[in-house]
Structures are given as C-alpha cells and as structure tokens.
Amino acid sequence: MTQAITTQRQVTTRQTEPQVKSEAPQKVYDTKKTIFRFNQVVWYILGFIEVLLAFRFILKLLGANQFIGFTSFVYSITNPLAAPFNGILGMSISGSSVIEWSTLIAAVVYLCAAWGLIYLLGLIYPITPNDVENQ
C-alpha cells in the first residue's frame, strides 16, 4: 500500500526595517513649508527694496527737490542700499535731472543675489510644484 505523505510547510516571514530611513511625514511637510515661506519672505523683501530703488531713480531722474519730506525720506532709506555701488559708473546730469547708474546697478545686483539665494536653497531642499499646491 502506498501511502501519500503530505507535508505542510509553514513559511514565516520576518519583517525588517527598511535600509533607507526617512523623516516623519509631518517633519518633511514642516520643513518644506518653512522653506516655502522663506522663499516668499525673500521675494517680498526684494520687491520692497526694488520699489524703493525705483522711487529713488525716478525722483533723481525728474530732478525732485531733495529737501521735501517724501523725497528726503526715500533718499535717506535708499542711500545705504545704493552706496556700495557709487562710483562704478558716473552720473549723467542734464539740468536738474540725474541718471544715477549706481541705483540701477544696485537693483540688478540685489535681484541676482535674491535669485541666487532662492536657487541655492532649491538645490539643497528641492520643492516640487505639487508640494507648493499642498501648502
């Protein structure tokens, strides 16, 4: 008599931790949110500086009286922003109008610095458009 022997194999699986550990989803979200807000703050500050420099350029171009309150206020705030670039190029003067090239150079340099900072941050901590939509 032939007897069929059936054996049952019990297969056990062991659960192991993944080789790559990732951060908790909430921490990742908070980090991306912080970076996104930082980007917004940098662009806001740049926009504010650019508007002030534009006011300075236009007021100088139009030959505005520097002893009037608003004009004096704009010049006093923007002097420290434009001062590092004074002397790179001369000023073009025609009557009371002045084209202050250092103000235009300052605006371009600040724009490039802000863009470079945001780009560097994007290289270190990339944020996808999908991440921005979920903010």
N, C-alpha and C. Protein backbone atom coordinates (compact mmCIF):
# COMPACT_ATOMS: atom_id res chain seq x y z
N MET A 1 0.80 -1.15 0.00
CA MET A 1 0.00 0.00 0.00
C MET A 1 0.86 1.24 0.00
N THR A 2 0.49 2.01 -0.84
CA THR A 2 1.24 3.25 -0.95
C THR A 2 0.45 4.33 -0.23
N GLN A 3 1.15 4.92 0.55
CA GLN A 3 0.51 5.97 1.32
C GLN A 3 1.09 7.32 0.87
N ALA A 4 0.21 8.22 0.61
CA ALA A 4 0.66 9.56 0.22
C ALA A 4 0.95 10.38 1.48
N ILE A 5 2.12 10.80 1.52
CA ILE A 5 2.51 11.63 2.67
C ILE A 5 2.48 13.09 2.21
N THR A 6 1.68 13.81 2.89
CA THR A 6 1.62 15.24 2.61
C THR A 6 2.27 15.99 3.75
N THR A 7 3.05 16.86 3.39
CA THR A 7 3.70 17.70 4.41
C THR A 7 3.29 19.14 4.19
N GLN A 8 3.10 19.74 5.24
CA GLN A 8 2.78 21.17 5.19
C GLN A 8 4.02 21.95 5.59
N ARG A 9 4.33 22.90 4.78
CA ARG A 9 5.44 23.78 5.12
C ARG A 9 4.87 25.08 5.63
N GLN A 10 5.37 25.46 6.69
CA GLN A 10 4.94 26.74 7.24
C GLN A 10 6.02 27.76 6.89
N VAL A 11 5.60 28.77 6.19
CA VAL A 11 6.53 29.81 5.77
C VAL A 11 6.34 31.01 6.68
N THR A 12 7.42 31.38 7.25
CA THR A 12 7.36 32.58 8.10
C THR A 12 8.20 33.65 7.45
N THR A 13 7.72 34.84 7.55
CA THR A 13 8.47 35.98 7.03
C THR A 13 8.83 36.89 8.18
N ARG A 14 9.98 37.40 8.09
CA ARG A 14 10.44 38.32 9.13
C ARG A 14 10.43 39.72 8.55
N GLN A 15 9.85 40.61 9.27
CA GLN A 15 9.78 41.98 8.81
C GLN A 15 11.01 42.72 9.31
N THR A 16 11.72 43.32 8.39
CA THR A 16 12.92 44.07 8.76
C THR A 16 12.69 45.54 8.46
N GLU A 17 13.48 46.36 9.10
CA GLU A 17 13.37 47.80 8.87
C GLU A 17 13.96 48.12 7.51
N PRO A 18 13.41 49.11 6.85
CA PRO A 18 13.94 49.47 5.53
C PRO A 18 15.38 49.98 5.66
N GLN A 19 16.13 49.79 4.61
CA GLN A 19 17.53 50.21 4.61
C GLN A 19 17.66 51.73 4.65
N VAL A 20 16.74 52.40 4.00
CA VAL A 20 16.78 53.85 3.95
C VAL A 20 15.76 54.37 4.95
N LYS A 21 16.24 55.15 5.88
CA LYS A 21 15.32 55.75 6.85
C LYS A 21 14.93 57.13 6.35
N SER A 22 13.67 57.41 6.43
CA SER A 22 13.20 58.73 6.02
C SER A 22 12.60 59.42 7.23
N GLU A 23 12.46 60.73 7.05
CA GLU A 23 11.89 61.51 8.14
C GLU A 23 10.39 61.30 8.21
N ALA A 24 9.85 61.66 9.35
CA ALA A 24 8.40 61.57 9.52
C ALA A 24 7.72 62.52 8.54
N PRO A 25 6.57 62.12 8.00
CA PRO A 25 5.89 62.97 7.02
C PRO A 25 5.58 64.38 7.53
N GLN A 26 5.24 64.51 8.79
CA GLN A 26 4.92 65.83 9.34
C GLN A 26 6.17 66.71 9.37
N LYS A 27 7.31 66.11 9.69
CA LYS A 27 8.55 66.88 9.74
C LYS A 27 8.95 67.34 8.33
N VAL A 28 8.77 66.46 7.36
CA VAL A 28 9.07 66.82 5.97
C VAL A 28 8.16 67.96 5.53
N TYR A 29 6.88 67.86 5.85
CA TYR A 29 5.92 68.90 5.50
C TYR A 29 6.31 70.23 6.15
N ASP A 30 6.65 70.19 7.44
CA ASP A 30 7.04 71.42 8.15
C ASP A 30 8.30 72.03 7.54
N THR A 31 9.26 71.20 7.18
CA THR A 31 10.48 71.72 6.57
C THR A 31 10.19 72.38 5.24
N LYS A 32 9.39 71.73 4.40
CA LYS A 32 9.05 72.31 3.10
C LYS A 32 8.21 73.57 3.25
N LYS A 33 7.35 73.60 4.23
CA LYS A 33 6.55 74.78 4.48
C LYS A 33 7.44 75.95 4.91
N THR A 34 8.41 75.66 5.77
CA THR A 34 9.34 76.70 6.22
C THR A 34 10.16 77.24 5.05
N ILE A 35 10.64 76.36 4.20
CA ILE A 35 11.42 76.78 3.04
C ILE A 35 10.56 77.60 2.09
N PHE A 36 9.34 77.17 1.87
CA PHE A 36 8.43 77.91 1.00
C PHE A 36 8.16 79.31 1.56
N ARG A 37 7.93 79.41 2.86
CA ARG A 37 7.71 80.73 3.49
C ARG A 37 8.96 81.59 3.40
N PHE A 38 10.13 80.98 3.59
CA PHE A 38 11.38 81.72 3.47
C PHE A 38 11.52 82.29 2.06
N ASN A 39 11.21 81.49 1.05
CA ASN A 39 11.24 81.97 -0.33
C ASN A 39 10.31 83.17 -0.51
N GLN A 40 9.12 83.08 0.04
CA GLN A 40 8.17 84.19 -0.06
C GLN A 40 8.70 85.45 0.62
N VAL A 41 9.31 85.29 1.78
CA VAL A 41 9.85 86.44 2.52
C VAL A 41 10.99 87.08 1.73
N VAL A 42 11.87 86.27 1.16
CA VAL A 42 12.99 86.81 0.37
C VAL A 42 12.46 87.61 -0.81
N TRP A 43 11.48 87.06 -1.54
CA TRP A 43 10.93 87.78 -2.69
C TRP A 43 10.19 89.05 -2.26
N TYR A 44 9.53 89.01 -1.12
CA TYR A 44 8.84 90.21 -0.62
C TYR A 44 9.85 91.31 -0.28
N ILE A 45 10.90 90.94 0.43
CA ILE A 45 11.93 91.93 0.79
C ILE A 45 12.59 92.49 -0.46
N LEU A 46 12.89 91.62 -1.42
CA LEU A 46 13.47 92.09 -2.67
C LEU A 46 12.52 93.06 -3.38
N GLY A 47 11.25 92.73 -3.44
CA GLY A 47 10.28 93.62 -4.07
C GLY A 47 10.22 94.98 -3.40
N PHE A 48 10.28 94.98 -2.08
CA PHE A 48 10.27 96.24 -1.33
C PHE A 48 11.51 97.07 -1.65
N ILE A 49 12.66 96.43 -1.67
CA ILE A 49 13.91 97.14 -1.98
C ILE A 49 13.89 97.67 -3.41
N GLU A 50 13.40 96.85 -4.33
CA GLU A 50 13.35 97.28 -5.73
C GLU A 50 12.41 98.48 -5.92
N VAL A 51 11.29 98.49 -5.23
CA VAL A 51 10.37 99.62 -5.34
C VAL A 51 11.02 100.88 -4.79
N LEU A 52 11.69 100.77 -3.66
CA LEU A 52 12.39 101.94 -3.10
C LEU A 52 13.46 102.46 -4.05
N LEU A 53 14.24 101.55 -4.63
CA LEU A 53 15.27 101.97 -5.58
C LEU A 53 14.66 102.58 -6.84
N ALA A 54 13.51 102.06 -7.27
CA ALA A 54 12.82 102.65 -8.42
C ALA A 54 12.35 104.07 -8.11
N PHE A 55 11.80 104.27 -6.90
CA PHE A 55 11.42 105.62 -6.49
C PHE A 55 12.63 106.55 -6.51
N ARG A 56 13.74 106.09 -5.97
CA ARG A 56 14.96 106.90 -5.94
C ARG A 56 15.38 107.28 -7.36
N PHE A 57 15.42 106.27 -8.24
CA PHE A 57 15.85 106.52 -9.61
C PHE A 57 14.94 107.53 -10.31
N ILE A 58 13.64 107.33 -10.16
CA ILE A 58 12.68 108.22 -10.83
C ILE A 58 12.74 109.64 -10.25
N LEU A 59 12.84 109.75 -8.92
CA LEU A 59 12.92 111.08 -8.31
C LEU A 59 14.18 111.82 -8.74
N LYS A 60 15.30 111.11 -8.82
CA LYS A 60 16.55 111.74 -9.30
C LYS A 60 16.42 112.11 -10.77
N LEU A 61 15.81 111.21 -11.55
CA LEU A 61 15.65 111.48 -12.98
C LEU A 61 14.79 112.72 -13.23
N LEU A 62 13.75 112.87 -12.41
CA LEU A 62 12.86 114.02 -12.57
C LEU A 62 13.39 115.29 -11.91
N GLY A 63 14.48 115.17 -11.19
CA GLY A 63 15.07 116.33 -10.52
C GLY A 63 14.24 116.80 -9.34
N ALA A 64 13.68 115.90 -8.58
CA ALA A 64 12.84 116.24 -7.43
C ALA A 64 13.65 116.98 -6.37
N ASN A 65 12.98 117.88 -5.67
CA ASN A 65 13.62 118.65 -4.60
C ASN A 65 13.95 117.70 -3.44
N GLN A 66 15.22 117.61 -3.11
CA GLN A 66 15.65 116.67 -2.08
C GLN A 66 15.33 117.13 -0.66
N PHE A 67 14.84 118.34 -0.51
CA PHE A 67 14.52 118.84 0.83
C PHE A 67 13.04 118.68 1.19
N ILE A 68 12.25 118.14 0.29
CA ILE A 68 10.85 117.85 0.55
C ILE A 68 10.78 116.52 1.30
N GLY A 69 9.80 116.38 2.19
CA GLY A 69 9.70 115.24 3.09
C GLY A 69 9.79 113.87 2.44
N PHE A 70 8.94 113.59 1.46
CA PHE A 70 8.92 112.26 0.85
C PHE A 70 10.23 111.97 0.13
N THR A 71 10.70 112.93 -0.63
CA THR A 71 11.95 112.75 -1.37
C THR A 71 13.12 112.52 -0.42
N SER A 72 13.18 113.32 0.61
CA SER A 72 14.24 113.16 1.61
C SER A 72 14.16 111.79 2.29
N PHE A 73 12.95 111.35 2.58
CA PHE A 73 12.75 110.05 3.21
C PHE A 73 13.24 108.92 2.29
N VAL A 74 12.87 108.98 1.02
CA VAL A 74 13.28 107.94 0.07
C VAL A 74 14.80 107.95 -0.08
N TYR A 75 15.40 109.13 -0.20
CA TYR A 75 16.85 109.19 -0.35
C TYR A 75 17.56 108.67 0.89
N SER A 76 17.05 108.98 2.07
CA SER A 76 17.73 108.53 3.29
C SER A 76 17.63 107.01 3.47
N ILE A 77 16.52 106.42 3.05
CA ILE A 77 16.38 104.97 3.17
C ILE A 77 17.23 104.25 2.11
N THR A 78 17.30 104.80 0.92
CA THR A 78 17.98 104.10 -0.17
C THR A 78 19.47 104.40 -0.26
N ASN A 79 19.96 105.42 0.45
CA ASN A 79 21.40 105.71 0.41
C ASN A 79 22.24 104.50 0.81
N PRO A 80 21.92 103.81 1.93
CA PRO A 80 22.73 102.64 2.27
C PRO A 80 22.64 101.50 1.25
N LEU A 81 21.53 101.44 0.53
CA LEU A 81 21.37 100.38 -0.47
C LEU A 81 22.16 100.68 -1.75
N ALA A 82 22.25 101.94 -2.12
CA ALA A 82 22.93 102.32 -3.35
C ALA A 82 24.40 102.68 -3.11
N ALA A 83 24.79 102.98 -1.89
CA ALA A 83 26.16 103.44 -1.59
C ALA A 83 27.25 102.47 -2.02
N PRO A 84 27.11 101.16 -1.82
CA PRO A 84 28.20 100.27 -2.24
C PRO A 84 28.49 100.30 -3.74
N PHE A 85 27.58 100.84 -4.52
CA PHE A 85 27.73 100.82 -5.97
C PHE A 85 28.05 102.21 -6.53
N ASN A 86 28.17 103.21 -5.66
CA ASN A 86 28.54 104.56 -6.11
C ASN A 86 29.95 104.53 -6.70
N GLY A 87 30.12 105.23 -7.79
CA GLY A 87 31.43 105.34 -8.39
C GLY A 87 31.74 104.26 -9.42
N ILE A 88 30.92 103.21 -9.52
CA ILE A 88 31.17 102.20 -10.55
C ILE A 88 31.04 102.85 -11.92
N LEU A 89 29.97 103.56 -12.11
CA LEU A 89 29.75 104.35 -13.32
C LEU A 89 29.41 105.77 -12.87
N GLY A 90 29.74 106.71 -13.67
CA GLY A 90 29.42 108.10 -13.34
C GLY A 90 27.94 108.38 -13.47
N MET A 91 27.56 109.59 -13.09
CA MET A 91 26.17 110.01 -13.22
C MET A 91 26.02 110.82 -14.50
N SER A 92 24.90 110.70 -15.14
CA SER A 92 24.59 111.51 -16.31
C SER A 92 23.69 112.64 -15.82
N ILE A 93 24.17 113.87 -15.99
CA ILE A 93 23.45 115.03 -15.46
C ILE A 93 23.02 115.91 -16.64
N SER A 94 21.75 116.30 -16.63
CA SER A 94 21.21 117.22 -17.62
C SER A 94 20.27 118.17 -16.89
N GLY A 95 20.72 119.37 -16.64
CA GLY A 95 19.92 120.34 -15.87
C GLY A 95 19.79 119.84 -14.44
N SER A 96 18.57 119.69 -13.96
CA SER A 96 18.36 119.17 -12.61
C SER A 96 18.11 117.66 -12.60
N SER A 97 18.06 117.06 -13.79
CA SER A 97 17.84 115.62 -13.90
C SER A 97 19.17 114.87 -13.77
N VAL A 98 19.12 113.77 -13.03
CA VAL A 98 20.31 112.96 -12.82
C VAL A 98 19.95 111.50 -13.10
N ILE A 99 20.73 110.87 -13.95
CA ILE A 99 20.59 109.42 -14.13
C ILE A 99 21.68 108.80 -13.26
N GLU A 100 21.24 108.20 -12.18
CA GLU A 100 22.17 107.61 -11.22
C GLU A 100 22.32 106.13 -11.55
N TRP A 101 23.37 105.80 -12.27
CA TRP A 101 23.59 104.43 -12.73
C TRP A 101 23.81 103.48 -11.56
N SER A 102 24.36 103.97 -10.46
CA SER A 102 24.61 103.10 -9.31
C SER A 102 23.31 102.53 -8.75
N THR A 103 22.22 103.28 -8.86
CA THR A 103 20.93 102.77 -8.38
C THR A 103 20.44 101.62 -9.25
N LEU A 104 20.62 101.74 -10.56
CA LEU A 104 20.22 100.65 -11.46
C LEU A 104 21.10 99.42 -11.24
N ILE A 105 22.39 99.63 -11.04
CA ILE A 105 23.29 98.50 -10.77
C ILE A 105 22.91 97.83 -9.46
N ALA A 106 22.59 98.62 -8.45
CA ALA A 106 22.18 98.07 -7.15
C ALA A 106 20.93 97.20 -7.31
N ALA A 107 19.97 97.68 -8.08
CA ALA A 107 18.74 96.92 -8.28
C ALA A 107 19.03 95.58 -8.95
N VAL A 108 19.89 95.57 -9.95
CA VAL A 108 20.23 94.33 -10.65
C VAL A 108 21.00 93.39 -9.74
N VAL A 109 21.95 93.92 -8.96
CA VAL A 109 22.74 93.07 -8.06
C VAL A 109 21.86 92.45 -6.98
N TYR A 110 20.96 93.23 -6.40
CA TYR A 110 20.07 92.68 -5.37
C TYR A 110 19.12 91.62 -5.95
N LEU A 111 18.67 91.83 -7.16
CA LEU A 111 17.83 90.83 -7.83
C LEU A 111 18.61 89.54 -8.04
N CYS A 112 19.84 89.65 -8.52
CA CYS A 112 20.67 88.46 -8.74
C CYS A 112 20.99 87.74 -7.42
N ALA A 113 21.25 88.51 -6.36
CA ALA A 113 21.55 87.91 -5.06
C ALA A 113 20.34 87.14 -4.52
N ALA A 114 19.16 87.73 -4.62
CA ALA A 114 17.95 87.05 -4.13
C ALA A 114 17.67 85.81 -4.97
N TRP A 115 17.79 85.92 -6.28
CA TRP A 115 17.55 84.76 -7.14
C TRP A 115 18.56 83.66 -6.83
N GLY A 116 19.83 84.03 -6.64
CA GLY A 116 20.86 83.04 -6.31
C GLY A 116 20.60 82.34 -4.99
N LEU A 117 20.15 83.10 -3.99
CA LEU A 117 19.83 82.51 -2.69
C LEU A 117 18.68 81.52 -2.80
N ILE A 118 17.64 81.90 -3.51
CA ILE A 118 16.49 81.02 -3.69
C ILE A 118 16.88 79.78 -4.51
N TYR A 119 17.70 79.97 -5.53
CA TYR A 119 18.14 78.85 -6.37
C TYR A 119 19.00 77.88 -5.56
N LEU A 120 19.91 78.42 -4.74
CA LEU A 120 20.76 77.56 -3.90
C LEU A 120 19.92 76.78 -2.91
N LEU A 121 18.96 77.43 -2.31
CA LEU A 121 18.07 76.75 -1.38
C LEU A 121 17.27 75.66 -2.09
N GLY A 122 16.89 75.91 -3.33
CA GLY A 122 16.18 74.91 -4.12
C GLY A 122 17.04 73.72 -4.46
N LEU A 123 18.33 73.93 -4.60
CA LEU A 123 19.23 72.81 -4.85
C LEU A 123 19.41 71.96 -3.60
N ILE A 124 19.47 72.61 -2.45
CA ILE A 124 19.68 71.89 -1.19
C ILE A 124 18.40 71.18 -0.75
N TYR A 125 17.29 71.90 -0.80
CA TYR A 125 15.99 71.35 -0.40
C TYR A 125 14.99 71.55 -1.53
N PRO A 126 14.96 70.66 -2.50
CA PRO A 126 14.06 70.84 -3.64
C PRO A 126 12.58 70.75 -3.22
N ILE A 127 11.79 71.63 -3.82
CA ILE A 127 10.35 71.64 -3.58
C ILE A 127 9.68 71.55 -4.95
N THR A 128 8.81 70.57 -5.11
CA THR A 128 8.13 70.37 -6.38
C THR A 128 6.88 71.26 -6.44
N PRO A 129 6.35 71.50 -7.64
CA PRO A 129 5.11 72.26 -7.74
C PRO A 129 3.96 71.61 -6.95
N ASN A 130 3.95 70.29 -6.87
CA ASN A 130 2.92 69.60 -6.11
C ASN A 130 3.05 69.95 -4.62
N ASP A 131 4.27 70.08 -4.12
CA ASP A 131 4.47 70.47 -2.72
C ASP A 131 3.91 71.87 -2.47
N VAL A 132 4.10 72.76 -3.44
CA VAL A 132 3.62 74.14 -3.29
C VAL A 132 2.10 74.18 -3.26
N GLU A 133 1.46 73.37 -4.11
CA GLU A 133 -0.01 73.34 -4.15
C GLU A 133 -0.59 72.85 -2.84
N ASN A 134 0.11 71.98 -2.15
CA ASN A 134 -0.39 71.43 -0.90
C ASN A 134 -0.12 72.33 0.31
N GLN A 135 0.55 73.43 0.10
CA GLN A 135 0.90 74.31 1.22
C GLN A 135 -0.32 75.03 1.73
